[in-house]
Amino acid sequence: MITVINDRCDFCGACVAVCPVDSIDLFEARIAILKHCTDCMLCVWICPVETLAPESNVREVECVVSTIA
């Protein structure tokens, strides 16, 4: 599953353009990954500001941050 970090997104639309199954919706203030996402990771690789990440990576970062804090 792909996780969205909306406060990083600059709404460039690169992820929407690269998605082979049209599973990303771009709204005015956020993006959403739809249910039929195949986890191909193309959106993660294309994102210039690292708004998208595999869910496992987000959990690892949260664990590290909670350990430091």
PDB file of N, CA and C in Angstrom:
ATOM      1  N   MET A   1       0.840  -1.184   0.000  1.00  0.00           N
ATOM      2  CA  MET A   1       0.000   0.000   0.000  1.00  0.00           C
ATOM      3  C   MET A   1       0.881   1.242   0.000  1.00  0.00           C
ATOM      4  N   ILE A   2       0.494   2.212  -0.774  1.00  0.00           N
ATOM      5  CA  ILE A   2       1.211   3.472  -0.868  1.00  0.00           C
ATOM      6  C   ILE A   2       0.594   4.457   0.117  1.00  0.00           C
ATOM      7  N   THR A   3       1.435   5.159   0.849  1.00  0.00           N
ATOM      8  CA  THR A   3       0.990   6.156   1.804  1.00  0.00           C
ATOM      9  C   THR A   3       1.272   7.545   1.243  1.00  0.00           C
ATOM     10  N   VAL A   4       0.358   8.470   1.483  1.00  0.00           N
ATOM     11  CA  VAL A   4       0.487   9.844   1.008  1.00  0.00           C
ATOM     12  C   VAL A   4       0.811  10.752   2.183  1.00  0.00           C
ATOM     13  N   ILE A   5       1.833  11.572   2.030  1.00  0.00           N
ATOM     14  CA  ILE A   5       2.173  12.590   3.023  1.00  0.00           C
ATOM     15  C   ILE A   5       1.766  13.921   2.394  1.00  0.00           C
ATOM     16  N   ASN A   6       0.509  14.311   2.615  1.00  0.00           N
ATOM     17  CA  ASN A   6      -0.086  15.429   1.882  1.00  0.00           C
ATOM     18  C   ASN A   6       0.586  16.768   2.119  1.00  0.00           C
ATOM     19  N   ASP A   7       1.173  17.001   3.283  1.00  0.00           N
ATOM     20  CA  ASP A   7       1.782  18.310   3.524  1.00  0.00           C
ATOM     21  C   ASP A   7       3.068  18.520   2.720  1.00  0.00           C
ATOM     22  N   ARG A   8       3.577  17.487   2.070  1.00  0.00           N
ATOM     23  CA  ARG A   8       4.759  17.618   1.209  1.00  0.00           C
ATOM     24  C   ARG A   8       4.404  17.848  -0.257  1.00  0.00           C
ATOM     25  N   CYS A   9       3.195  17.519  -0.642  1.00  0.00           N
ATOM     26  CA  CYS A   9       2.806  17.515  -2.051  1.00  0.00           C
ATOM     27  C   CYS A   9       2.768  18.931  -2.629  1.00  0.00           C
ATOM     28  N   ASP A  10       3.377  19.098  -3.820  1.00  0.00           N
ATOM     29  CA  ASP A  10       3.291  20.385  -4.513  1.00  0.00           C
ATOM     30  C   ASP A  10       2.327  20.316  -5.703  1.00  0.00           C
ATOM     31  N   PHE A  11       1.579  19.202  -5.801  1.00  0.00           N
ATOM     32  CA  PHE A  11       0.507  19.024  -6.781  1.00  0.00           C
ATOM     33  C   PHE A  11       0.990  19.161  -8.230  1.00  0.00           C
ATOM     34  N   CYS A  12       2.152  18.594  -8.501  1.00  0.00           N
ATOM     35  CA  CYS A  12       2.709  18.656  -9.858  1.00  0.00           C
ATOM     36  C   CYS A  12       2.000  17.709 -10.818  1.00  0.00           C
ATOM     37  N   GLY A  13       1.385  16.645 -10.304  1.00  0.00           N
ATOM     38  CA  GLY A  13       0.643  15.707 -11.138  1.00  0.00           C
ATOM     39  C   GLY A  13       1.480  14.612 -11.772  1.00  0.00           C
ATOM     40  N   ALA A  14       2.770  14.544 -11.460  1.00  0.00           N
ATOM     41  CA  ALA A  14       3.635  13.515 -12.045  1.00  0.00           C
ATOM     42  C   ALA A  14       3.142  12.115 -11.685  1.00  0.00           C
ATOM     43  N   CYS A  15       2.696  11.927 -10.460  1.00  0.00           N
ATOM     44  CA  CYS A  15       2.229  10.613 -10.024  1.00  0.00           C
ATOM     45  C   CYS A  15       0.979  10.190 -10.787  1.00  0.00           C
ATOM     46  N   VAL A  16       0.089  11.136 -11.019  1.00  0.00           N
ATOM     47  CA  VAL A  16      -1.141  10.846 -11.753  1.00  0.00           C
ATOM     48  C   VAL A  16      -0.802  10.422 -13.183  1.00  0.00           C
ATOM     49  N   ALA A  17       0.126  11.124 -13.798  1.00  0.00           N
ATOM     50  CA  ALA A  17       0.491  10.844 -15.186  1.00  0.00           C
ATOM     51  C   ALA A  17       1.159   9.486 -15.358  1.00  0.00           C
ATOM     52  N   VAL A  18       1.919   9.043 -14.363  1.00  0.00           N
ATOM     53  CA  VAL A  18       2.691   7.811 -14.499  1.00  0.00           C
ATOM     54  C   VAL A  18       1.915   6.560 -14.070  1.00  0.00           C
ATOM     55  N   CYS A  19       0.823   6.712 -13.366  1.00  0.00           N
ATOM     56  CA  CYS A  19       0.077   5.558 -12.845  1.00  0.00           C
ATOM     57  C   CYS A  19      -0.550   4.746 -13.979  1.00  0.00           C
ATOM     58  N   PRO A  20      -0.149   3.479 -14.142  1.00  0.00           N
ATOM     59  CA  PRO A  20      -0.665   2.675 -15.248  1.00  0.00           C
ATOM     60  C   PRO A  20      -2.113   2.220 -15.076  1.00  0.00           C
ATOM     61  N   VAL A  21      -2.640   2.263 -13.854  1.00  0.00           N
ATOM     62  CA  VAL A  21      -4.019   1.818 -13.622  1.00  0.00           C
ATOM     63  C   VAL A  21      -4.944   2.967 -13.214  1.00  0.00           C
ATOM     64  N   ASP A  22      -4.471   4.194 -13.383  1.00  0.00           N
ATOM     65  CA  ASP A  22      -5.269   5.389 -13.088  1.00  0.00           C
ATOM     66  C   ASP A  22      -5.867   5.336 -11.686  1.00  0.00           C
ATOM     67  N   SER A  23      -5.015   5.099 -10.718  1.00  0.00           N
ATOM     68  CA  SER A  23      -5.465   4.892  -9.352  1.00  0.00           C
ATOM     69  C   SER A  23      -5.118   6.038  -8.412  1.00  0.00           C
ATOM     70  N   ILE A  24      -4.769   7.205  -8.964  1.00  0.00           N
ATOM     71  CA  ILE A  24      -4.436   8.362  -8.136  1.00  0.00           C
ATOM     72  C   ILE A  24      -5.343   9.519  -8.527  1.00  0.00           C
ATOM     73  N   ASP A  25      -6.025  10.079  -7.519  1.00  0.00           N
ATOM     74  CA  ASP A  25      -6.852  11.261  -7.737  1.00  0.00           C
ATOM     75  C   ASP A  25      -6.145  12.465  -7.139  1.00  0.00           C
ATOM     76  N   LEU A  26      -6.095  13.545  -7.903  1.00  0.00           N
ATOM     77  CA  LEU A  26      -5.485  14.785  -7.458  1.00  0.00           C
ATOM     78  C   LEU A  26      -6.598  15.791  -7.205  1.00  0.00           C
ATOM     79  N   PHE A  27      -6.697  16.237  -5.964  1.00  0.00           N
ATOM     80  CA  PHE A  27      -7.704  17.223  -5.586  1.00  0.00           C
ATOM     81  C   PHE A  27      -6.999  18.554  -5.351  1.00  0.00           C
ATOM     82  N   GLU A  28      -7.726  19.576  -4.997  1.00  0.00           N
ATOM     83  CA  GLU A  28      -7.128  20.891  -4.777  1.00  0.00           C
ATOM     84  C   GLU A  28      -6.101  20.887  -3.654  1.00  0.00           C
ATOM     85  N   ALA A  29      -6.371  20.188  -2.578  1.00  0.00           N
ATOM     86  CA  ALA A  29      -5.486  20.256  -1.423  1.00  0.00           C
ATOM     87  C   ALA A  29      -4.923  18.905  -0.996  1.00  0.00           C
ATOM     88  N   ARG A  30      -5.114  17.863  -1.797  1.00  0.00           N
ATOM     89  CA  ARG A  30      -4.581  16.557  -1.417  1.00  0.00           C
ATOM     90  C   ARG A  30      -4.613  15.603  -2.598  1.00  0.00           C
ATOM     91  N   ILE A  31      -3.910  14.494  -2.445  1.00  0.00           N
ATOM     92  CA  ILE A  31      -4.000  13.417  -3.423  1.00  0.00           C
ATOM     93  C   ILE A  31      -4.477  12.172  -2.698  1.00  0.00           C
ATOM     94  N   ALA A  32      -5.091  11.271  -3.445  1.00  0.00           N
ATOM     95  CA  ALA A  32      -5.621  10.049  -2.854  1.00  0.00           C
ATOM     96  C   ALA A  32      -5.255   8.859  -3.725  1.00  0.00           C
ATOM     97  N   ILE A  33      -4.849   7.779  -3.080  1.00  0.00           N
ATOM     98  CA  ILE A  33      -4.573   6.518  -3.757  1.00  0.00           C
ATOM     99  C   ILE A  33      -5.848   5.683  -3.668  1.00  0.00           C
ATOM    100  N   LEU A  34      -6.349   5.245  -4.797  1.00  0.00           N
ATOM    101  CA  LEU A  34      -7.595   4.485  -4.827  1.00  0.00           C
ATOM    102  C   LEU A  34      -7.362   3.002  -4.573  1.00  0.00           C
ATOM    103  N   LYS A  35      -8.445   2.280  -4.310  1.00  0.00           N
ATOM    104  CA  LYS A  35      -8.377   0.862  -3.929  1.00  0.00           C
ATOM    105  C   LYS A  35      -7.707  -0.023  -4.961  1.00  0.00           C
ATOM    106  N   HIS A  36      -7.829   0.299  -6.233  1.00  0.00           N
ATOM    107  CA  HIS A  36      -7.298  -0.591  -7.258  1.00  0.00           C
ATOM    108  C   HIS A  36      -5.811  -0.365  -7.551  1.00  0.00           C
ATOM    109  N   CYS A  37      -5.113   0.311  -6.653  1.00  0.00           N
ATOM    110  CA  CYS A  37      -3.658   0.492  -6.778  1.00  0.00           C
ATOM    111  C   CYS A  37      -2.981  -0.883  -6.765  1.00  0.00           C
ATOM    112  N   THR A  38      -2.031  -1.085  -7.663  1.00  0.00           N
ATOM    113  CA  THR A  38      -1.328  -2.367  -7.752  1.00  0.00           C
ATOM    114  C   THR A  38       0.028  -2.344  -7.053  1.00  0.00           C
ATOM    115  N   ASP A  39       0.365  -1.253  -6.392  1.00  0.00           N
ATOM    116  CA  ASP A  39       1.651  -1.095  -5.690  1.00  0.00           C
ATOM    117  C   ASP A  39       2.848  -1.276  -6.624  1.00  0.00           C
ATOM    118  N   CYS A  40       2.730  -0.752  -7.828  1.00  0.00           N
ATOM    119  CA  CYS A  40       3.836  -0.875  -8.791  1.00  0.00           C
ATOM    120  C   CYS A  40       4.999   0.055  -8.436  1.00  0.00           C
ATOM    121  N   MET A  41       4.758   1.048  -7.598  1.00  0.00           N
ATOM    122  CA  MET A  41       5.771   1.980  -7.091  1.00  0.00           C
ATOM    123  C   MET A  41       6.220   3.039  -8.100  1.00  0.00           C
ATOM    124  N   LEU A  42       5.628   3.089  -9.275  1.00  0.00           N
ATOM    125  CA  LEU A  42       6.025   4.116 -10.240  1.00  0.00           C
ATOM    126  C   LEU A  42       5.802   5.523  -9.681  1.00  0.00           C
ATOM    127  N   CYS A  43       4.709   5.723  -8.971  1.00  0.00           N
ATOM    128  CA  CYS A  43       4.423   7.040  -8.398  1.00  0.00           C
ATOM    129  C   CYS A  43       5.455   7.420  -7.341  1.00  0.00           C
ATOM    130  N   VAL A  44       5.889   6.451  -6.558  1.00  0.00           N
ATOM    131  CA  VAL A  44       6.890   6.709  -5.523  1.00  0.00           C
ATOM    132  C   VAL A  44       8.200   7.142  -6.171  1.00  0.00           C
ATOM    133  N   TRP A  45       8.592   6.460  -7.222  1.00  0.00           N
ATOM    134  CA  TRP A  45       9.863   6.766  -7.892  1.00  0.00           C
ATOM    135  C   TRP A  45       9.824   8.100  -8.624  1.00  0.00           C
ATOM    136  N   ILE A  46       8.668   8.490  -9.163  1.00  0.00           N
ATOM    137  CA  ILE A  46       8.574   9.709  -9.964  1.00  0.00           C
ATOM    138  C   ILE A  46       8.386  10.964  -9.113  1.00  0.00           C
ATOM    139  N   CYS A  47       7.904  10.831  -7.905  1.00  0.00           N
ATOM    140  CA  CYS A  47       7.578  12.001  -7.078  1.00  0.00           C
ATOM    141  C   CYS A  47       8.845  12.799  -6.735  1.00  0.00           C
ATOM    142  N   PRO A  48       8.896  14.089  -7.135  1.00  0.00           N
ATOM    143  CA  PRO A  48      10.094  14.887  -6.893  1.00  0.00           C
ATOM    144  C   PRO A  48      10.254  15.362  -5.450  1.00  0.00           C
ATOM    145  N   VAL A  49       9.188  15.293  -4.646  1.00  0.00           N
ATOM    146  CA  VAL A  49       9.261  15.796  -3.270  1.00  0.00           C
ATOM    147  C   VAL A  49       8.994  14.721  -2.218  1.00  0.00           C
ATOM    148  N   GLU A  50       9.034  13.465  -2.634  1.00  0.00           N
ATOM    149  CA  GLU A  50       8.860  12.315  -1.738  1.00  0.00           C
ATOM    150  C   GLU A  50       7.573  12.383  -0.916  1.00  0.00           C
ATOM    151  N   THR A  51       6.484  12.711  -1.606  1.00  0.00           N
ATOM    152  CA  THR A  51       5.159  12.733  -0.987  1.00  0.00           C
ATOM    153  C   THR A  51       4.599  11.333  -0.817  1.00  0.00           C
ATOM    154  N   LEU A  52       4.989  10.430  -1.693  1.00  0.00           N
ATOM    155  CA  LEU A  52       4.467   9.068  -1.684  1.00  0.00           C
ATOM    156  C   LEU A  52       5.537   8.108  -1.189  1.00  0.00           C
ATOM    157  N   ALA A  53       5.108   7.156  -0.393  1.00  0.00           N
ATOM    158  CA  ALA A  53       6.049   6.182   0.151  1.00  0.00           C
ATOM    159  C   ALA A  53       5.337   4.863   0.389  1.00  0.00           C
ATOM    160  N   PRO A  54       6.085   3.760   0.301  1.00  0.00           N
ATOM    161  CA  PRO A  54       5.487   2.483   0.688  1.00  0.00           C
ATOM    162  C   PRO A  54       5.114   2.559   2.168  1.00  0.00           C
ATOM    163  N   GLU A  55       4.004   1.979   2.524  1.00  0.00           N
ATOM    164  CA  GLU A  55       3.509   2.074   3.904  1.00  0.00           C
ATOM    165  C   GLU A  55       4.547   1.585   4.915  1.00  0.00           C
ATOM    166  N   SER A  56       5.297   0.554   4.587  1.00  0.00           N
ATOM    167  CA  SER A  56       6.292   0.021   5.513  1.00  0.00           C
ATOM    168  C   SER A  56       7.374   1.055   5.824  1.00  0.00           C
ATOM    169  N   ASN A  57       7.781   1.857   4.835  1.00  0.00           N
ATOM    170  CA  ASN A  57       8.789   2.888   5.069  1.00  0.00           C
ATOM    171  C   ASN A  57       8.279   3.968   6.000  1.00  0.00           C
ATOM    172  N   VAL A  58       7.013   4.322   5.880  1.00  0.00           N
ATOM    173  CA  VAL A  58       6.430   5.341   6.745  1.00  0.00           C
ATOM    174  C   VAL A  58       6.421   4.844   8.185  1.00  0.00           C
ATOM    175  N   ARG A  59       6.086   3.585   8.401  1.00  0.00           N
ATOM    176  CA  ARG A  59       6.088   3.028   9.757  1.00  0.00           C
ATOM    177  C   ARG A  59       7.492   3.021  10.347  1.00  0.00           C
ATOM    178  N   GLU A  60       8.503   2.696   9.537  1.00  0.00           N
ATOM    179  CA  GLU A  60       9.882   2.692  10.025  1.00  0.00           C
ATOM    180  C   GLU A  60      10.303   4.073  10.456  1.00  0.00           C
ATOM    181  N   VAL A  61       9.958   5.089   9.688  1.00  0.00           N
ATOM    182  CA  VAL A  61      10.303   6.472  10.030  1.00  0.00           C
ATOM    183  C   VAL A  61       9.601   6.881  11.309  1.00  0.00           C
ATOM    184  N   GLU A  62       8.327   6.524  11.470  1.00  0.00           N
ATOM    185  CA  GLU A  62       7.583   6.853  12.689  1.00  0.00           C
ATOM    186  C   GLU A  62       8.247   6.193  13.900  1.00  0.00           C
ATOM    187  N   CYS A  63       8.725   4.967  13.769  1.00  0.00           N
ATOM    188  CA  CYS A  63       9.395   4.275  14.870  1.00  0.00           C
ATOM    189  C   CYS A  63      10.685   4.973  15.249  1.00  0.00           C
ATOM    190  N   VAL A  64      11.449   5.384  14.270  1.00  0.00           N
ATOM    191  CA  VAL A  64      12.713   6.077  14.539  1.00  0.00           C
ATOM    192  C   VAL A  64      12.447   7.413  15.219  1.00  0.00           C
ATOM    193  N   VAL A  65      11.470   8.161  14.744  1.00  0.00           N
ATOM    194  CA  VAL A  65      11.144   9.439  15.339  1.00  0.00           C
ATOM    195  C   VAL A  65      10.679   9.278  16.768  1.00  0.00           C
ATOM    196  N   SER A  66       9.839   8.289  17.036  1.00  0.00           N
ATOM    197  CA  SER A  66       9.369   8.074  18.414  1.00  0.00           C
ATOM    198  C   SER A  66      10.513   7.617  19.320  1.00  0.00           C
ATOM    199  N   THR A  67      11.488   6.907  18.785  1.00  0.00           N
ATOM    200  CA  THR A  67      12.621   6.472  19.568  1.00  0.00           C
ATOM    201  C   THR A  67      13.510   7.661  19.929  1.00  0.00           C
ATOM    202  N   ILE A  68      13.680   8.588  18.992  1.00  0.00           N
ATOM    203  CA  ILE A  68      14.536   9.759  19.233  1.00  0.00           C
ATOM    204  C   ILE A  68      13.866  10.726  20.204  1.00  0.00           C
ATOM    205  N   ALA A  69      12.560  10.893  20.069  1.00  0.00           N
ATOM    206  CA  ALA A  69      11.831  11.864  20.890  1.00  0.00           C
ATOM    207  C   ALA A  69      11.669  11.418  22.279  1.00  0.00           C
TER     208      ALA A  69
END
